Amino acid sequence: MAKPLKFIDETFRDAQQSIIATRMRTEDMEPIAAEIDKVGYYAAEVAGGASFDVAIRYLNEDPWQRVRILRKLMPNTPLQMHFRGQNLLGYRNYPDDVVTAFVHHAADQGIDVFRIFDALNDERNLAVPLKAIKERGKHAQLQLQYSLTESRLGGPVYTLDYFVSKACVFQEMGADSVCIADTCGLPT
């Protein structure tokens, strides 16, 4: 194939976040990590969303240590992190210097691919983390949030033209790839 499909494993982040509220401990991930590394995934998403909050608040674990352990156990698979643009892993905007320092630290700990989004597809909230990702020479995947104003694609805002236009903006900003996410499970 000229452009083969690439798969990302989300077992260690999204799968367990959705099923067991991100309560999987690092020690539970360790036995399978080497097997996942053998599959040949484009990346494995190992951090982001609620994983940091839960690791600290409920599991008494260092989320950065988890990244370092998985990096060691999965040397052939790029590690991916998912976060909320300027909000990082929190629920408010953080200052630019904090965002930059966070991204640089994540890259230094072993994150290779960063999937970032803004809930309203506001590219201004992606600009600072995107710049920080590029400064570290890592892959920046900008996530386009799928949404609807009607029960089907269309309505006054979320049209096919809207999504194509926004993807073009992300490309112009320097995204290495664009992901379309239907995080609410909206039927079309």
Protein backbone atom coordinates (compact mmCIF):
# COMPACT_ATOMS: atom_id res chain seq x y z
CA MET A 1 0.00 0.00 0.00
CA ALA A 2 1.23 3.48 -0.79
CA LYS A 3 -0.20 4.83 2.48
CA PRO A 4 -0.84 2.00 4.92
CA LEU A 5 -3.27 2.48 7.76
CA LYS A 6 -1.66 3.17 11.12
CA PHE A 7 -3.16 1.93 14.36
CA ILE A 8 -2.85 3.41 17.83
CA ASP A 9 -3.43 1.25 20.89
CA GLU A 10 -5.40 3.04 23.62
CA THR A 11 -5.60 0.21 26.15
CA PHE A 12 -3.48 1.90 28.80
CA ARG A 13 -5.33 5.24 28.62
CA ASP A 14 -8.77 5.47 27.07
CA ALA A 15 -9.91 1.86 27.24
CA GLN A 16 -9.45 1.59 30.98
CA GLN A 17 -10.62 5.19 31.52
CA SER A 18 -13.94 4.34 29.94
CA ILE A 19 -14.39 0.93 31.56
CA ILE A 20 -12.88 1.09 35.05
CA ALA A 21 -12.43 4.83 35.67
CA THR A 22 -8.66 4.71 35.00
CA ARG A 23 -8.02 2.51 38.04
CA MET A 24 -5.54 0.18 36.33
CA ARG A 25 -2.25 0.30 38.22
CA THR A 26 1.11 0.48 36.50
CA GLU A 27 2.01 -2.94 37.87
CA ASP A 28 -1.04 -4.33 36.05
CA MET A 29 0.21 -2.84 32.77
CA GLU A 30 3.76 -4.13 33.03
CA PRO A 31 3.13 -7.82 32.14
CA ILE A 32 1.40 -6.99 28.83
CA ALA A 33 3.50 -3.98 27.78
CA ALA A 34 6.20 -6.03 26.06
CA GLU A 35 3.55 -7.96 24.12
CA ILE A 36 1.89 -4.73 22.96
CA ASP A 37 5.33 -3.53 21.87
CA LYS A 38 5.63 -6.52 19.52
CA VAL A 39 2.41 -5.72 17.62
CA GLY A 40 3.85 -2.84 15.61
CA TYR A 41 1.37 -0.13 16.52
CA TYR A 42 2.04 3.36 15.22
CA ALA A 43 1.80 4.48 18.87
CA ALA A 44 0.40 3.46 22.25
CA GLU A 45 -1.52 6.09 24.17
CA VAL A 46 -0.31 5.78 27.74
CA ALA A 47 -1.17 9.09 29.41
CA GLY A 48 -3.67 11.91 29.36
CA GLY A 49 -7.25 12.59 30.22
CA ALA A 50 -7.90 11.58 33.81
CA SER A 51 -4.89 9.26 34.09
CA PHE A 52 -2.72 11.76 35.99
CA ASP A 53 -5.45 12.81 38.42
CA VAL A 54 -6.41 9.22 39.20
CA ALA A 55 -2.80 8.04 39.55
CA ILE A 56 -2.11 10.68 42.18
CA ARG A 57 -5.48 10.88 43.93
CA TYR A 58 -6.58 7.25 44.01
CA LEU A 59 -3.67 4.97 43.14
CA ASN A 60 -0.87 6.73 45.01
CA GLU A 61 1.30 6.45 41.90
CA ASP A 62 3.61 8.84 40.09
CA PRO A 63 2.14 9.23 36.58
CA TRP A 64 5.54 10.23 35.19
CA GLN A 65 7.03 7.02 36.59
CA ARG A 66 4.37 5.10 34.67
CA VAL A 67 5.49 6.77 31.45
CA ARG A 68 9.14 5.98 32.19
CA ILE A 69 8.36 2.32 32.99
CA LEU A 70 6.27 1.87 29.83
CA ARG A 71 8.95 3.60 27.75
CA LYS A 72 11.47 1.03 29.01
CA LEU A 73 9.12 -1.91 28.41
CA MET A 74 7.99 -0.67 24.98
CA PRO A 75 11.18 0.54 23.25
CA ASN A 76 9.85 -0.02 19.72
CA THR A 77 6.49 1.72 20.09
CA PRO A 78 6.13 5.49 20.19
CA LEU A 79 4.28 6.57 23.34
CA GLN A 80 1.37 8.97 22.98
CA MET A 81 -0.24 11.45 25.37
CA HIS A 82 -3.68 13.03 25.01
CA PHE A 83 -4.49 16.38 26.59
CA ARG A 84 -6.79 19.40 26.43
CA GLY A 85 -4.60 22.00 24.68
CA GLN A 86 -4.02 25.03 26.89
CA ASN A 87 -5.91 23.24 29.70
CA LEU A 88 -3.37 20.39 29.73
CA LEU A 89 -4.86 17.74 32.06
CA GLY A 90 -6.90 20.23 34.08
CA TYR A 91 -10.11 22.13 33.65
CA ARG A 92 -8.85 25.69 33.22
CA ASN A 93 -6.37 27.42 30.95
CA TYR A 94 -2.80 27.45 32.21
CA PRO A 95 -0.23 30.16 31.47
CA ASP A 96 1.89 29.70 28.36
CA ASP A 97 5.09 29.03 30.33
CA VAL A 98 3.39 26.25 32.32
CA VAL A 99 2.06 24.65 29.13
CA THR A 100 5.48 24.81 27.48
CA ALA A 101 7.23 23.37 30.55
CA PHE A 102 4.67 20.54 30.79
CA VAL A 103 5.07 19.55 27.14
CA HIS A 104 8.86 19.70 27.32
CA HIS A 105 8.85 17.57 30.48
CA ALA A 106 6.48 15.01 28.90
CA ALA A 107 8.77 14.75 25.88
CA ASP A 108 11.78 14.32 28.14
CA GLN A 109 10.00 11.49 29.99
CA GLY A 110 9.37 9.52 26.79
CA ILE A 111 6.26 10.88 25.07
CA ASP A 112 6.70 10.86 21.28
CA VAL A 113 3.22 11.71 19.97
CA PHE A 114 0.98 14.40 21.46
CA ARG A 115 -2.73 14.34 20.63
CA ILE A 116 -4.16 17.68 21.67
CA PHE A 117 -7.62 19.17 21.39
CA ASP A 118 -9.85 22.03 22.40
CA ALA A 119 -13.47 21.19 23.21
CA LEU A 120 -14.68 24.00 20.93
CA ASN A 121 -12.05 23.45 18.22
CA ASP A 122 -10.55 26.84 19.07
CA GLU A 123 -7.13 26.72 17.48
CA ARG A 124 -5.89 29.51 19.75
CA ASN A 125 -5.87 27.00 22.62
CA LEU A 126 -3.68 24.65 20.56
CA ALA A 127 -1.03 27.14 19.42
CA VAL A 128 1.21 27.16 22.52
CA PRO A 129 1.28 23.39 23.09
CA LEU A 130 1.82 22.86 19.36
CA LYS A 131 4.84 25.17 19.41
CA ALA A 132 6.26 23.37 22.47
CA ILE A 133 5.79 19.96 20.80
CA LYS A 134 7.61 21.16 17.70
CA GLU A 135 10.44 22.59 19.85
CA ARG A 136 11.08 19.05 21.10
CA GLY A 137 10.84 17.54 17.62
CA LYS A 138 7.84 15.38 18.50
CA HIS A 139 4.72 14.45 16.51
CA ALA A 140 1.81 16.87 16.97
CA GLN A 141 -1.62 15.41 16.28
CA LEU A 142 -4.40 18.00 16.50
CA GLN A 143 -7.79 16.54 17.32
CA LEU A 144 -10.91 17.88 15.67
CA GLN A 145 -13.92 17.52 17.98
CA TYR A 146 -16.94 16.20 16.12
CA SER A 147 -20.15 17.91 17.18
CA LEU A 148 -23.64 18.53 15.89
CA THR A 149 -26.26 21.26 16.09
CA GLU A 150 -28.93 19.03 14.56
CA SER A 151 -29.64 15.32 14.93
CA ARG A 152 -27.63 14.72 11.74
CA LEU A 153 -24.59 16.39 10.19
CA GLY A 154 -25.52 19.91 9.20
CA GLY A 155 -27.29 22.73 10.92
CA PRO A 156 -26.02 26.27 11.23
CA VAL A 157 -22.50 25.49 12.50
CA TYR A 158 -21.22 21.93 12.16
CA THR A 159 -21.31 21.32 8.44
CA LEU A 160 -18.94 19.32 6.29
CA ASP A 161 -17.40 22.65 5.22
CA TYR A 162 -16.80 23.56 8.87
CA PHE A 163 -14.85 20.35 9.54
CA VAL A 164 -12.85 20.55 6.31
CA SER A 165 -12.03 24.20 6.96
CA LYS A 166 -10.95 23.51 10.54
CA ALA A 167 -8.77 20.58 9.43
CA CYS A 168 -7.11 22.91 6.91
CA VAL A 169 -6.46 25.44 9.69
CA PHE A 170 -4.85 22.69 11.77
CA GLN A 171 -2.70 21.69 8.80
CA GLU A 172 -1.62 25.31 8.25
CA MET A 173 -0.72 25.58 11.94
CA GLY A 174 1.77 22.75 11.49
CA ALA A 175 -0.09 19.64 12.62
CA ASP A 176 1.72 16.44 11.68
CA SER A 177 -1.64 14.66 11.62
CA VAL A 178 -5.28 15.39 12.33
CA CYS A 179 -7.60 13.15 14.32
CA ILE A 180 -11.38 13.39 14.22
CA ALA A 181 -12.88 12.47 17.58
CA ASP A 182 -16.52 11.75 18.29
CA THR A 183 -16.08 11.80 22.07
CA CYS A 184 -19.80 12.02 22.75
CA GLY A 185 -20.78 9.12 20.50
CA LEU A 186 -23.03 11.27 18.36
CA PRO A 187 -25.00 9.38 15.72
CA THR A 188 -24.84 10.72 12.18
